[in-house]
């Protein structure tokens, strides 16, 4: 195993890309449950009520990977009332007009069609690599759900390739990537111009130094518009791909750990401070290395934005994981049923240390169960 570069002032942390002991072992989907679930879901759009995200594709991928495939269809049956049809189509997105369609949520179906065509004509990695730098500046769009959906899709494709020993032949998993990219393009939203505050040496210190927005009210789009400045985190400005990957791993770890003490401020929304950068981390193996440093910078901006928009004024005490193993903790999350709790536990298990397991338990305790 190759060790990762050590960032000054940061603890040595396991990298889930290299260290299989850093998370619960993935369970191969021998049943085909994930493809069955995606086939059910692709008849629906990525949102409901005009702005709330459809979390089902992300949650079912996490459930299957976490060894809970037998409960996926039951979970989908319970989630069905939150699914809406794909919105109407307007006009075809093309190589000539995509700039004007970017960030237009009315064009969700048009963008999805575009990426379905693109991934049918070219290898999915080529499509992802072409569009990733175009979409990355809008990582905060849709409350970061589009990039999280893409991260789950990429992970499932990479694991399918590893299991098959060849390029993924699952058309439904490629289609899921197309749906995720289409959602990201339609909800593309850049952050306002931001100043830079005094720097922090570690990811944890940088998150702690993020100032809360003045008015902690309204939806996320309103809140993001109130951002003014983030602390500088020197690691986020690196041009070295390996250092960027190491720093991104540390950011995910810091955000997961922070949730344990701060998640009570907004238990649902604060999970995205961890799940959004982890989605980027999961996509790195499928991307050219020169895209890793800008991916880190965007992931830092997304995590800091969510932290600023929904931070708790003071940390709170929290219980330990109580001796639960990672697999036992994820089983609890699956039984709990809440989509954000499932996805946060999935990310916390990628980190896999005792504080991460405590944060996973904290999400289970704070969020409302659906089962």
Protein backbone atom coordinates (compact mmCIF):
# COMPACT_ATOMS: atom_id res chain seq x y z
CA UNK A 1 0.00 0.00 0.00
CA UNK A 2 1.34 3.43 -0.89
CA UNK A 3 1.20 5.91 1.96
CA UNK A 4 -0.38 9.28 1.31
CA UNK A 5 1.51 12.54 1.68
CA UNK A 6 1.24 13.98 5.19
CA UNK A 7 -0.13 17.52 5.27
CA UNK A 8 1.52 19.81 7.82
CA UNK A 9 -0.48 20.09 11.00
CA UNK A 10 -2.86 17.29 10.01
CA UNK A 11 -3.16 13.81 11.52
CA UNK A 12 -2.28 10.78 9.47
CA UNK A 13 -5.61 9.40 8.32
CA UNK A 14 -6.55 6.30 6.33
CA UNK A 15 -7.50 6.81 2.72
CA UNK A 16 -10.59 4.81 1.77
CA UNK A 17 -9.35 4.65 -1.82
CA UNK A 18 -6.37 2.60 -0.69
CA UNK A 19 -7.29 1.09 2.67
CA UNK A 20 -10.15 -1.41 2.63
CA UNK A 21 -10.13 -1.59 6.43
CA UNK A 22 -11.16 2.07 6.63
CA UNK A 23 -14.83 1.22 5.97
CA UNK A 24 -17.24 -1.66 6.06
CA UNK A 25 -16.45 -4.14 3.32
CA UNK A 26 -18.70 -3.66 0.27
CA UNK A 27 -21.12 -6.49 -0.41
CA UNK A 28 -21.32 -7.56 -4.08
CA UNK A 29 -24.83 -7.17 -5.50
CA UNK A 30 -25.22 -10.73 -6.75
CA UNK A 31 -28.99 -10.39 -6.69
CA UNK A 32 -29.21 -7.61 -9.27
CA UNK A 33 -31.24 -5.58 -6.77
CA UNK A 34 -29.52 -2.30 -7.57
CA UNK A 35 -30.30 -2.58 -11.28
CA UNK A 36 -33.90 -3.50 -10.45
CA UNK A 37 -34.21 -0.48 -8.19
CA UNK A 38 -32.69 1.87 -10.75
CA UNK A 39 -35.06 0.57 -13.40
CA UNK A 40 -37.96 1.47 -11.11
CA UNK A 41 -36.54 4.90 -10.36
CA UNK A 42 -35.61 6.08 -13.83
CA UNK A 43 -39.26 6.61 -14.67
CA UNK A 44 -39.25 9.49 -12.18
CA UNK A 45 -37.61 12.88 -11.99
CA UNK A 46 -34.85 13.99 -9.60
CA UNK A 47 -37.12 16.32 -7.61
CA UNK A 48 -40.55 16.79 -6.11
CA UNK A 49 -42.54 19.92 -5.33
CA UNK A 50 -40.26 21.84 -7.64
CA UNK A 51 -37.12 21.77 -5.51
CA UNK A 52 -36.90 18.86 -3.02
CA UNK A 53 -34.43 16.22 -4.18
CA UNK A 54 -35.26 12.60 -4.89
CA UNK A 55 -32.84 10.75 -2.63
CA UNK A 56 -33.90 7.25 -3.60
CA UNK A 57 -31.18 6.47 -6.20
CA UNK A 58 -28.47 7.45 -3.73
CA UNK A 59 -30.03 5.64 -0.78
CA UNK A 60 -30.63 2.36 -2.62
CA UNK A 61 -27.04 2.30 -3.88
CA UNK A 62 -25.83 2.77 -0.31
CA UNK A 63 -28.23 0.13 1.01
CA UNK A 64 -27.14 -2.46 -1.55
CA UNK A 65 -23.45 -1.77 -1.02
CA UNK A 66 -23.96 -1.95 2.76
CA UNK A 67 -25.40 -5.45 2.58
CA UNK A 68 -29.05 -4.44 2.89
CA UNK A 69 -30.23 -5.45 -0.58
CA UNK A 70 -33.07 -7.59 0.75
CA UNK A 71 -34.81 -4.51 2.13
CA UNK A 72 -34.37 -2.23 -0.88
CA UNK A 73 -37.71 -2.82 -2.59
CA UNK A 74 -39.56 -2.49 0.71
CA UNK A 75 -37.73 0.78 1.29
CA UNK A 76 -38.69 2.00 -2.20
CA UNK A 77 -42.32 1.10 -1.57
CA UNK A 78 -42.25 3.35 1.50
CA UNK A 79 -40.52 6.14 -0.44
CA UNK A 80 -42.84 5.96 -3.46
CA UNK A 81 -45.09 8.84 -2.35
CA UNK A 82 -42.10 11.19 -2.63
CA UNK A 83 -41.49 10.41 -6.31
CA UNK A 84 -42.81 12.57 -9.13
CA UNK A 85 -42.75 12.04 -12.89
CA UNK A 86 -39.92 13.48 -14.94
CA UNK A 87 -40.83 17.09 -15.82
CA UNK A 88 -41.77 18.08 -19.36
CA UNK A 89 -39.17 18.43 -22.06
CA UNK A 90 -38.55 21.81 -23.69
CA UNK A 91 -35.80 21.63 -26.31
CA UNK A 92 -32.84 19.42 -27.12
CA UNK A 93 -29.54 20.32 -25.44
CA UNK A 94 -26.75 20.38 -28.02
CA UNK A 95 -23.06 21.15 -28.26
CA UNK A 96 -24.03 24.60 -29.52
CA UNK A 97 -26.59 25.65 -26.90
CA UNK A 98 -25.60 23.88 -23.68
CA UNK A 99 -24.11 27.07 -22.21
CA UNK A 100 -27.50 28.77 -22.22
CA UNK A 101 -29.24 25.71 -20.76
CA UNK A 102 -26.76 25.32 -17.89
CA UNK A 103 -28.35 26.04 -14.53
CA UNK A 104 -31.92 26.10 -15.85
CA UNK A 105 -33.99 23.74 -13.67
CA UNK A 106 -36.80 23.80 -16.24
CA UNK A 107 -34.46 21.81 -18.50
CA UNK A 108 -33.97 18.80 -16.19
CA UNK A 109 -35.49 16.36 -18.70
CA UNK A 110 -33.61 17.96 -21.60
CA UNK A 111 -30.31 17.61 -19.77
CA UNK A 112 -31.05 14.04 -18.75
CA UNK A 113 -31.80 13.14 -22.37
CA UNK A 114 -28.54 14.78 -23.39
CA UNK A 115 -26.44 12.66 -21.06
CA UNK A 116 -28.35 9.49 -21.90
CA UNK A 117 -27.37 10.11 -25.53
CA UNK A 118 -23.79 11.01 -24.61
CA UNK A 119 -23.22 7.89 -22.51
CA UNK A 120 -24.81 5.71 -25.20
CA UNK A 121 -22.36 7.01 -27.79
CA UNK A 122 -19.15 7.20 -25.76
CA UNK A 123 -17.56 5.49 -22.74
CA UNK A 124 -19.02 6.87 -19.53
CA UNK A 125 -15.58 7.82 -18.21
CA UNK A 126 -15.00 10.04 -21.25
CA UNK A 127 -18.33 11.79 -20.73
CA UNK A 128 -17.64 12.27 -17.03
CA UNK A 129 -14.15 13.64 -17.65
CA UNK A 130 -15.41 16.12 -20.25
CA UNK A 131 -18.27 17.44 -18.14
CA UNK A 132 -16.77 17.31 -14.67
CA UNK A 133 -14.79 20.58 -15.00
CA UNK A 134 -17.80 22.27 -16.58
CA UNK A 135 -20.12 21.25 -13.76
CA UNK A 136 -17.69 21.56 -10.83
CA UNK A 137 -18.17 25.34 -10.30
CA UNK A 138 -21.89 24.65 -9.71
CA UNK A 139 -21.31 21.97 -7.07
CA UNK A 140 -23.57 23.74 -4.55
CA UNK A 141 -26.58 23.56 -6.88
CA UNK A 142 -29.54 21.53 -5.67
CA UNK A 143 -28.15 21.65 -2.11
CA UNK A 144 -25.22 19.50 -3.39
CA UNK A 145 -27.55 16.56 -4.11
CA UNK A 146 -26.61 16.33 -7.82
CA UNK A 147 -22.91 15.79 -7.16
CA UNK A 148 -23.78 13.32 -4.39
CA UNK A 149 -25.95 11.37 -6.84
CA UNK A 150 -23.10 11.37 -9.35
CA UNK A 151 -20.70 10.10 -6.67
CA UNK A 152 -22.95 7.16 -5.85
CA UNK A 153 -23.35 6.37 -9.55
CA UNK A 154 -19.60 6.45 -10.19
CA UNK A 155 -18.92 4.21 -7.20
CA UNK A 156 -21.41 1.62 -8.45
CA UNK A 157 -19.87 1.69 -11.93
CA UNK A 158 -16.33 1.33 -10.62
CA UNK A 159 -17.29 -1.55 -8.34
CA UNK A 160 -19.15 -3.23 -11.18
CA UNK A 161 -16.04 -2.95 -13.34
CA UNK A 162 -13.91 -4.40 -10.56
CA UNK A 163 -16.27 -7.33 -10.09
CA UNK A 164 -16.60 -8.01 -13.81
CA UNK A 165 -12.93 -7.47 -14.61
CA UNK A 166 -13.94 -5.27 -17.56
CA UNK A 167 -15.79 -2.09 -18.38
CA UNK A 168 -19.22 -1.98 -16.77
CA UNK A 169 -21.94 -3.53 -18.90
CA UNK A 170 -24.78 -2.40 -16.68
CA UNK A 171 -26.75 -0.01 -18.85
CA UNK A 172 -28.88 0.95 -15.87
CA UNK A 173 -25.86 2.09 -13.87
CA UNK A 174 -24.61 4.13 -16.82
CA UNK A 175 -28.11 5.57 -17.16
CA UNK A 176 -28.02 6.49 -13.47
CA UNK A 177 -24.84 8.47 -14.09
CA UNK A 178 -26.62 10.22 -16.96
CA UNK A 179 -29.52 11.12 -14.66
CA UNK A 180 -27.12 12.46 -12.04
CA UNK A 181 -25.15 14.55 -14.53
CA UNK A 182 -28.37 15.88 -16.04
CA UNK A 183 -29.63 16.94 -12.63
CA UNK A 184 -26.31 18.64 -11.87
CA UNK A 185 -26.33 20.56 -15.15
CA UNK A 186 -29.91 21.73 -14.64
CA UNK A 187 -29.33 22.79 -11.02
CA UNK A 188 -25.84 24.20 -11.60
CA UNK A 189 -25.38 27.11 -9.17
CA UNK A 190 -22.18 28.99 -8.40
CA UNK A 191 -21.45 30.57 -5.05
CA UNK A 192 -21.29 34.37 -4.69
CA UNK A 193 -17.86 36.05 -4.77
CA UNK A 194 -16.18 35.29 -1.46
CA UNK A 195 -13.41 36.88 0.54
CA UNK A 196 -10.65 34.95 2.29
CA UNK A 197 -10.28 34.93 6.05
CA UNK A 198 -7.11 33.96 7.98
CA UNK A 199 -6.03 30.46 7.14
CA UNK A 200 -6.25 27.19 9.03
CA UNK A 201 -3.72 24.39 8.84
CA UNK A 202 -6.06 21.41 9.01
CA UNK A 203 -9.44 20.56 7.53
CA UNK A 204 -10.98 20.33 11.00
CA UNK A 205 -9.65 23.73 11.99
CA UNK A 206 -10.81 25.23 8.71
CA UNK A 207 -14.36 23.96 9.21
CA UNK A 208 -14.36 25.24 12.79
CA UNK A 209 -13.27 28.67 11.50
CA UNK A 210 -16.07 28.96 8.91
CA UNK A 211 -18.25 31.88 10.02
CA UNK A 212 -21.99 31.29 10.20
CA UNK A 213 -24.14 33.41 7.93
CA UNK A 214 -25.82 36.29 9.74
CA UNK A 215 -29.39 35.07 9.27
CA UNK A 216 -29.90 31.33 9.72
CA UNK A 217 -33.30 31.28 8.03
CA UNK A 218 -34.81 30.33 4.68
CA UNK A 219 -33.95 27.72 2.09
CA UNK A 220 -30.44 26.86 1.03
CA UNK A 221 -30.46 29.13 -2.03
CA UNK A 222 -31.26 32.12 0.16
CA UNK A 223 -28.65 31.07 2.68
CA UNK A 224 -25.90 30.57 0.10
CA UNK A 225 -26.56 34.10 -1.13
CA UNK A 226 -25.56 35.39 2.32
CA UNK A 227 -22.07 33.85 2.26
CA UNK A 228 -19.28 36.41 2.51
CA UNK A 229 -15.93 34.70 3.15
CA UNK A 230 -14.28 31.39 4.02
CA UNK A 231 -11.06 30.79 5.94
CA UNK A 232 -8.14 29.93 3.76
CA UNK A 233 -7.17 26.28 3.86
CA UNK A 234 -3.79 26.02 2.14
CA UNK A 235 -4.27 22.38 1.21
CA UNK A 236 -7.26 23.33 -0.97
CA UNK A 237 -4.95 25.37 -3.21
CA UNK A 238 -2.56 22.51 -4.00
CA UNK A 239 -1.69 21.62 -7.57
CA UNK A 240 -0.46 18.15 -6.64
CA UNK A 241 -3.02 15.41 -7.38
CA UNK A 242 -1.88 13.04 -4.63
CA UNK A 243 -1.83 15.81 -2.03
CA UNK A 244 -5.28 16.86 -3.22
CA UNK A 245 -6.63 13.36 -2.73
CA UNK A 246 -5.09 13.14 0.74
CA UNK A 247 -6.52 16.52 1.69
CA UNK A 248 -9.96 15.59 0.37
CA UNK A 249 -9.89 12.44 2.49
CA UNK A 250 -9.06 14.57 5.51
CA UNK A 251 -11.89 16.97 4.69
CA UNK A 252 -14.42 14.14 4.60
CA UNK A 253 -13.09 12.82 7.90
CA UNK A 254 -13.23 16.26 9.52
CA UNK A 255 -16.79 16.89 8.32
CA UNK A 256 -18.00 13.49 9.55
CA UNK A 257 -16.34 14.01 12.93
CA UNK A 258 -17.77 17.52 13.23
CA UNK A 259 -21.31 16.27 12.71
CA UNK A 260 -21.13 14.35 15.97
CA UNK A 261 -20.88 17.58 17.99
CA UNK A 262 -22.66 20.01 15.65
CA UNK A 263 -25.30 17.95 13.84
CA UNK A 264 -28.00 19.07 16.26
CA UNK A 265 -27.94 22.50 14.62
CA UNK A 266 -29.65 21.14 11.50
CA UNK A 267 -29.50 17.35 11.46
CA UNK A 268 -30.63 16.91 7.85
CA UNK A 269 -28.78 19.67 6.03
CA UNK A 270 -25.45 19.35 7.86
CA UNK A 271 -24.95 15.81 6.57
CA UNK A 272 -24.11 17.37 3.19
CA UNK A 273 -20.99 18.99 4.60
CA UNK A 274 -19.61 15.43 4.62
CA UNK A 275 -21.52 13.61 1.88
CA UNK A 276 -20.80 16.21 -0.83
CA UNK A 277 -16.98 16.09 -0.51
CA UNK A 278 -17.16 12.31 -0.18
CA UNK A 279 -19.03 12.14 -3.48
CA UNK A 280 -16.13 14.01 -5.07
CA UNK A 281 -13.65 11.65 -3.41
CA UNK A 282 -15.52 8.65 -4.81
CA UNK A 283 -15.35 10.08 -8.32
CA UNK A 284 -11.60 10.73 -8.33
CA UNK A 285 -10.53 7.24 -9.51
CA UNK A 286 -12.61 7.71 -12.67
CA UNK A 287 -11.18 11.17 -13.43
CA UNK A 288 -7.89 12.33 -14.95
CA UNK A 289 -5.41 13.24 -12.25
CA UNK A 290 -5.20 16.86 -13.36
CA UNK A 291 -8.82 17.26 -12.27
CA UNK A 292 -8.14 16.16 -8.70
CA UNK A 293 -6.83 19.54 -7.37
CA UNK A 294 -9.78 21.60 -8.67
CA UNK A 295 -12.08 18.88 -7.36
CA UNK A 296 -10.63 19.38 -3.87
CA UNK A 297 -11.12 23.16 -4.10
CA UNK A 298 -14.75 22.74 -5.13
CA UNK A 299 -15.41 20.13 -2.44
CA UNK A 300 -13.96 22.46 0.20
CA UNK A 301 -16.20 25.29 -1.01
CA UNK A 302 -19.29 23.05 -0.87
CA UNK A 303 -18.52 21.71 2.60
CA UNK A 304 -17.74 25.17 3.95
CA UNK A 305 -20.90 26.61 2.39
CA UNK A 306 -23.14 24.04 4.04
CA UNK A 307 -21.30 24.53 7.34
CA UNK A 308 -21.79 28.31 7.18
CA UNK A 309 -25.45 28.02 6.20
CA UNK A 310 -26.49 25.52 8.86
CA UNK A 311 -23.96 25.60 11.64
CA UNK A 312 -24.92 25.07 15.28
CA UNK A 313 -23.94 27.95 17.58
CA UNK A 314 -22.26 25.66 20.12
CA UNK A 315 -21.11 22.03 20.07
CA UNK A 316 -23.00 19.46 22.10
CA UNK A 317 -21.95 16.33 23.93
CA UNK A 318 -22.69 13.08 22.13
CA UNK A 319 -22.58 9.37 22.99
CA UNK A 320 -20.10 6.90 21.60
CA UNK A 321 -21.03 4.19 19.15
CA UNK A 322 -21.50 1.88 22.12
CA UNK A 323 -19.27 -0.84 20.76
CA UNK A 324 -21.25 -1.28 17.54
CA UNK A 325 -19.29 -2.49 14.53
CA UNK A 326 -19.54 -0.57 11.24
CA UNK A 327 -21.84 -3.24 9.81
CA UNK A 328 -24.08 -3.16 12.89
CA UNK A 329 -24.27 0.63 12.70
CA UNK A 330 -25.29 0.54 9.06
CA UNK A 331 -27.92 -2.08 9.83
CA UNK A 332 -29.35 0.37 12.36
CA UNK A 333 -29.40 3.11 9.73
CA UNK A 334 -31.20 0.83 7.28
CA UNK A 335 -33.77 -0.06 9.92
CA UNK A 336 -34.18 3.64 10.74
CA UNK A 337 -34.96 4.23 7.07
CA UNK A 338 -34.35 7.99 6.72
CA UNK A 339 -32.59 8.67 3.43
CA UNK A 340 -30.18 11.30 4.77
CA UNK A 341 -29.31 9.06 7.71
CA UNK A 342 -28.57 6.14 5.38
CA UNK A 343 -26.34 8.27 3.16
CA UNK A 344 -24.50 9.87 6.08
CA UNK A 345 -23.87 6.48 7.66
CA UNK A 346 -22.55 5.28 4.31
CA UNK A 347 -20.04 8.15 4.32
CA UNK A 348 -19.21 7.77 8.01
CA UNK A 349 -18.38 4.12 7.42
CA UNK A 350 -15.93 5.17 4.71
CA UNK A 351 -14.07 6.99 7.50
CA UNK A 352 -14.64 4.10 9.88
CA UNK A 353 -12.94 5.27 13.08
CA UNK A 354 -14.65 5.45 16.51
CA UNK A 355 -15.56 9.14 16.22
CA UNK A 356 -17.05 8.52 12.78
CA UNK A 357 -19.15 5.68 14.19
CA UNK A 358 -20.29 8.01 16.96
CA UNK A 359 -21.30 10.54 14.30
CA UNK A 360 -23.18 7.80 12.46
CA UNK A 361 -25.07 7.00 15.65
CA UNK A 362 -25.71 10.73 16.15
CA UNK A 363 -27.43 10.93 12.75
CA UNK A 364 -29.64 7.99 13.68
CA UNK A 365 -30.55 9.66 16.97
CA UNK A 366 -31.19 13.14 15.56
CA UNK A 367 -33.14 12.42 12.39
CA UNK A 368 -36.73 11.27 12.23
CA UNK A 369 -37.08 7.57 11.29
CA UNK A 370 -39.41 6.58 8.48
CA UNK A 371 -39.84 2.96 9.59
